[in-house]
Amino acid sequence: MKQKVVIKLSVHDEKSRAKAMKAAVGVDGVNSASLQQDKDLIEVTGEGIDVVLLTTQLRKSLKYAEVVSVNPVEEKKIEENKEKEKNKEPEATIQYLMGCPPPQYICAPCPPYQDHSCPIL
């Protein structure tokens, strides 16, 4: 069963955010993790996540982690999103086409080489 786990963290800088992401993704069963920067929350989704282990790993790396919520992810929403993506019209793409090569200029033929005996060569 897919779960969505929200955990409150104490993250103050980019280094601690990176530690939190690394610790969360390292737990078995985690498919994705995202940080909400304004609220210091990490949202983890996956199949069969051990919430206690996840929280313990985050506490080891960040010193503070509190479980806010654990909710099952509804499969209907995921299936509906996939169907919408399939039925969605493809976005307009920009193609760059190469034009004709620049015109080639015709030059007068070079005069034949005349051997002037040079004492240096």
C-alpha atoms as a PDB file:
ATOM      1  CA  MET A   1       0.000   0.000   0.000  1.00  0.00           C
ATOM      2  CA  LYS A   2       1.377   3.422  -0.977  1.00  0.00           C
ATOM      3  CA  GLN A   3       1.805   5.898   1.835  1.00  0.00           C
ATOM      4  CA  LYS A   4       2.380   9.611   2.105  1.00  0.00           C
ATOM      5  CA  VAL A   5       4.323  10.578   5.229  1.00  0.00           C
ATOM      6  CA  VAL A   6       4.790  14.198   6.341  1.00  0.00           C
ATOM      7  CA  ILE A   7       7.525  14.899   8.905  1.00  0.00           C
ATOM      8  CA  LYS A   8       8.447  18.209  10.519  1.00  0.00           C
ATOM      9  CA  LEU A   9      12.187  18.872  10.610  1.00  0.00           C
ATOM     10  CA  SER A  10      14.608  21.459  11.900  1.00  0.00           C
ATOM     11  CA  VAL A  11      16.373  22.537   8.716  1.00  0.00           C
ATOM     12  CA  HIS A  12      18.061  25.926   8.581  1.00  0.00           C
ATOM     13  CA  ASP A  13      20.503  25.799   5.713  1.00  0.00           C
ATOM     14  CA  GLU A  14      21.125  23.991   2.435  1.00  0.00           C
ATOM     15  CA  LYS A  15      23.499  21.487   4.041  1.00  0.00           C
ATOM     16  CA  SER A  16      20.870  20.237   6.506  1.00  0.00           C
ATOM     17  CA  ARG A  17      18.280  20.041   3.680  1.00  0.00           C
ATOM     18  CA  ALA A  18      20.669  17.842   1.707  1.00  0.00           C
ATOM     19  CA  LYS A  19      21.214  15.622   4.772  1.00  0.00           C
ATOM     20  CA  ALA A  20      17.455  15.261   5.235  1.00  0.00           C
ATOM     21  CA  MET A  21      16.897  14.278   1.614  1.00  0.00           C
ATOM     22  CA  LYS A  22      19.764  11.781   1.716  1.00  0.00           C
ATOM     23  CA  ALA A  23      18.469  10.187   4.924  1.00  0.00           C
ATOM     24  CA  ALA A  24      14.868  10.009   3.667  1.00  0.00           C
ATOM     25  CA  VAL A  25      15.713   8.498   0.294  1.00  0.00           C
ATOM     26  CA  GLY A  26      17.990   5.916   1.948  1.00  0.00           C
ATOM     27  CA  VAL A  27      15.077   4.184   3.696  1.00  0.00           C
ATOM     28  CA  ASP A  28      13.613   1.110   1.965  1.00  0.00           C
ATOM     29  CA  GLY A  29      10.342   1.624   0.142  1.00  0.00           C
ATOM     30  CA  VAL A  30      10.728   5.371  -0.452  1.00  0.00           C
ATOM     31  CA  ASN A  31       9.863   6.404  -4.013  1.00  0.00           C
ATOM     32  CA  SER A  32      10.060  10.183  -3.697  1.00  0.00           C
ATOM     33  CA  ALA A  33      10.817  12.869  -1.145  1.00  0.00           C
ATOM     34  CA  SER A  34      10.240  16.602  -1.337  1.00  0.00           C
ATOM     35  CA  LEU A  35      11.011  19.448   1.044  1.00  0.00           C
ATOM     36  CA  GLN A  36       8.560  22.263   1.671  1.00  0.00           C
ATOM     37  CA  GLN A  37      10.949  25.074   2.470  1.00  0.00           C
ATOM     38  CA  ASP A  38       8.569  27.556   4.072  1.00  0.00           C
ATOM     39  CA  LYS A  39       7.214  25.083   6.624  1.00  0.00           C
ATOM     40  CA  ASP A  40      10.312  22.898   7.232  1.00  0.00           C
ATOM     41  CA  LEU A  41       8.363  19.784   6.267  1.00  0.00           C
ATOM     42  CA  ILE A  42       9.488  16.790   4.269  1.00  0.00           C
ATOM     43  CA  GLU A  43       6.901  14.843   2.319  1.00  0.00           C
ATOM     44  CA  VAL A  44       7.860  11.232   1.586  1.00  0.00           C
ATOM     45  CA  THR A  45       5.847   8.858  -0.610  1.00  0.00           C
ATOM     46  CA  GLY A  46       6.460   5.192  -1.179  1.00  0.00           C
ATOM     47  CA  GLU A  47       5.293   1.643  -0.787  1.00  0.00           C
ATOM     48  CA  GLY A  48       5.478   0.059   2.684  1.00  0.00           C
ATOM     49  CA  ILE A  49       7.566   2.762   4.347  1.00  0.00           C
ATOM     50  CA  ASP A  50       8.700   2.054   7.909  1.00  0.00           C
ATOM     51  CA  VAL A  51       7.780   5.395   9.487  1.00  0.00           C
ATOM     52  CA  VAL A  52       9.620   4.692  12.741  1.00  0.00           C
ATOM     53  CA  LEU A  53      12.841   3.866  10.894  1.00  0.00           C
ATOM     54  CA  LEU A  54      12.451   6.937   8.680  1.00  0.00           C
ATOM     55  CA  THR A  55      11.954   9.220  11.676  1.00  0.00           C
ATOM     56  CA  THR A  56      14.886   7.633  13.527  1.00  0.00           C
ATOM     57  CA  GLN A  57      17.203   8.154  10.542  1.00  0.00           C
ATOM     58  CA  LEU A  58      16.133  11.791  10.263  1.00  0.00           C
ATOM     59  CA  ARG A  59      16.670  12.328  14.004  1.00  0.00           C
ATOM     60  CA  LYS A  60      20.172  10.882  13.767  1.00  0.00           C
ATOM     61  CA  SER A  61      21.142  13.271  11.004  1.00  0.00           C
ATOM     62  CA  LEU A  62      19.181  16.399  12.033  1.00  0.00           C
ATOM     63  CA  LYS A  63      18.517  15.998  15.789  1.00  0.00           C
ATOM     64  CA  TYR A  64      14.815  16.876  15.454  1.00  0.00           C
ATOM     65  CA  ALA A  65      12.081  15.125  13.489  1.00  0.00           C
ATOM     66  CA  GLU A  66       8.401  14.823  14.337  1.00  0.00           C
ATOM     67  CA  VAL A  67       5.794  12.821  12.409  1.00  0.00           C
ATOM     68  CA  VAL A  68       2.936  15.083  11.340  1.00  0.00           C
ATOM     69  CA  SER A  69       0.794  12.675   9.330  1.00  0.00           C
ATOM     70  CA  VAL A  70       0.725   9.272   7.647  1.00  0.00           C
ATOM     71  CA  ASN A  71      -1.900   8.886   4.915  1.00  0.00           C
ATOM     72  CA  PRO A  72      -2.529   6.252   2.270  1.00  0.00           C
ATOM     73  CA  VAL A  73      -2.193   7.451  -1.307  1.00  0.00           C
ATOM     74  CA  GLU A  74      -5.316   6.871  -3.350  1.00  0.00           C
ATOM     75  CA  GLU A  75      -4.656   4.860  -6.492  1.00  0.00           C
ATOM     76  CA  LYS A  76      -7.604   6.478  -8.273  1.00  0.00           C
ATOM     77  CA  LYS A  77      -5.909   9.857  -8.333  1.00  0.00           C
ATOM     78  CA  ILE A  78      -2.744   8.360  -9.741  1.00  0.00           C
ATOM     79  CA  GLU A  79      -4.661   6.496 -12.439  1.00  0.00           C
ATOM     80  CA  GLU A  80      -6.667   9.623 -13.307  1.00  0.00           C
ATOM     81  CA  ASN A  81      -3.478  11.646 -13.633  1.00  0.00           C
ATOM     82  CA  LYS A  82      -1.974   9.019 -15.937  1.00  0.00           C
ATOM     83  CA  GLU A  83      -5.108   9.037 -18.096  1.00  0.00           C
ATOM     84  CA  LYS A  84      -5.066  12.824 -18.278  1.00  0.00           C
ATOM     85  CA  GLU A  85      -1.449  12.763 -19.376  1.00  0.00           C
ATOM     86  CA  LYS A  86      -2.252  10.218 -22.089  1.00  0.00           C
ATOM     87  CA  ASN A  87      -5.252  12.199 -23.357  1.00  0.00           C
ATOM     88  CA  LYS A  88      -3.405  15.470 -23.188  1.00  0.00           C
ATOM     89  CA  GLU A  89      -2.588  17.001 -26.540  1.00  0.00           C
ATOM     90  CA  PRO A  90       1.109  17.216 -27.211  1.00  0.00           C
ATOM     91  CA  GLU A  91       2.542  20.626 -26.623  1.00  0.00           C
ATOM     92  CA  ALA A  92       3.775  22.613 -29.544  1.00  0.00           C
ATOM     93  CA  THR A  93       7.399  21.982 -30.206  1.00  0.00           C
ATOM     94  CA  ILE A  94       9.788  24.350 -31.850  1.00  0.00           C
ATOM     95  CA  GLN A  95      11.812  22.878 -34.640  1.00  0.00           C
ATOM     96  CA  TYR A  96      14.814  24.619 -36.032  1.00  0.00           C
ATOM     97  CA  LEU A  97      15.290  23.867 -39.672  1.00  0.00           C
ATOM     98  CA  MET A  98      18.536  24.431 -41.441  1.00  0.00           C
ATOM     99  CA  GLY A  99      18.189  26.735 -44.418  1.00  0.00           C
ATOM    100  CA  CYS A 100      19.965  26.418 -47.728  1.00  0.00           C
ATOM    101  CA  PRO A 101      23.728  26.668 -47.581  1.00  0.00           C
ATOM    102  CA  PRO A 102      25.118  30.114 -48.315  1.00  0.00           C
ATOM    103  CA  PRO A 103      25.746  30.797 -52.008  1.00  0.00           C
ATOM    104  CA  GLN A 104      29.174  29.890 -53.247  1.00  0.00           C
ATOM    105  CA  TYR A 105      31.062  32.541 -55.099  1.00  0.00           C
ATOM    106  CA  ILE A 106      32.784  31.653 -58.339  1.00  0.00           C
ATOM    107  CA  CYS A 107      36.249  33.116 -58.590  1.00  0.00           C
ATOM    108  CA  ALA A 108      38.398  33.526 -61.633  1.00  0.00           C
ATOM    109  CA  PRO A 109      40.858  30.665 -62.086  1.00  0.00           C
ATOM    110  CA  CYS A 110      44.319  31.200 -60.675  1.00  0.00           C
ATOM    111  CA  PRO A 111      47.079  31.969 -63.145  1.00  0.00           C
ATOM    112  CA  PRO A 112      49.424  29.062 -63.837  1.00  0.00           C
ATOM    113  CA  TYR A 113      52.507  28.813 -61.694  1.00  0.00           C
ATOM    114  CA  GLN A 114      55.509  30.378 -63.296  1.00  0.00           C
ATOM    115  CA  ASP A 115      58.880  29.183 -62.228  1.00  0.00           C
ATOM    116  CA  HIS A 116      61.196  32.075 -61.674  1.00  0.00           C
ATOM    117  CA  SER A 117      64.419  30.589 -60.716  1.00  0.00           C
ATOM    118  CA  CYS A 118      65.081  31.716 -57.259  1.00  0.00           C
ATOM    119  CA  PRO A 119      68.590  31.457 -55.934  1.00  0.00           C
ATOM    120  CA  ILE A 120      67.406  30.918 -52.361  1.00  0.00           C
ATOM    121  CA  LEU A 121      65.419  27.774 -53.047  1.00  0.00           C
END
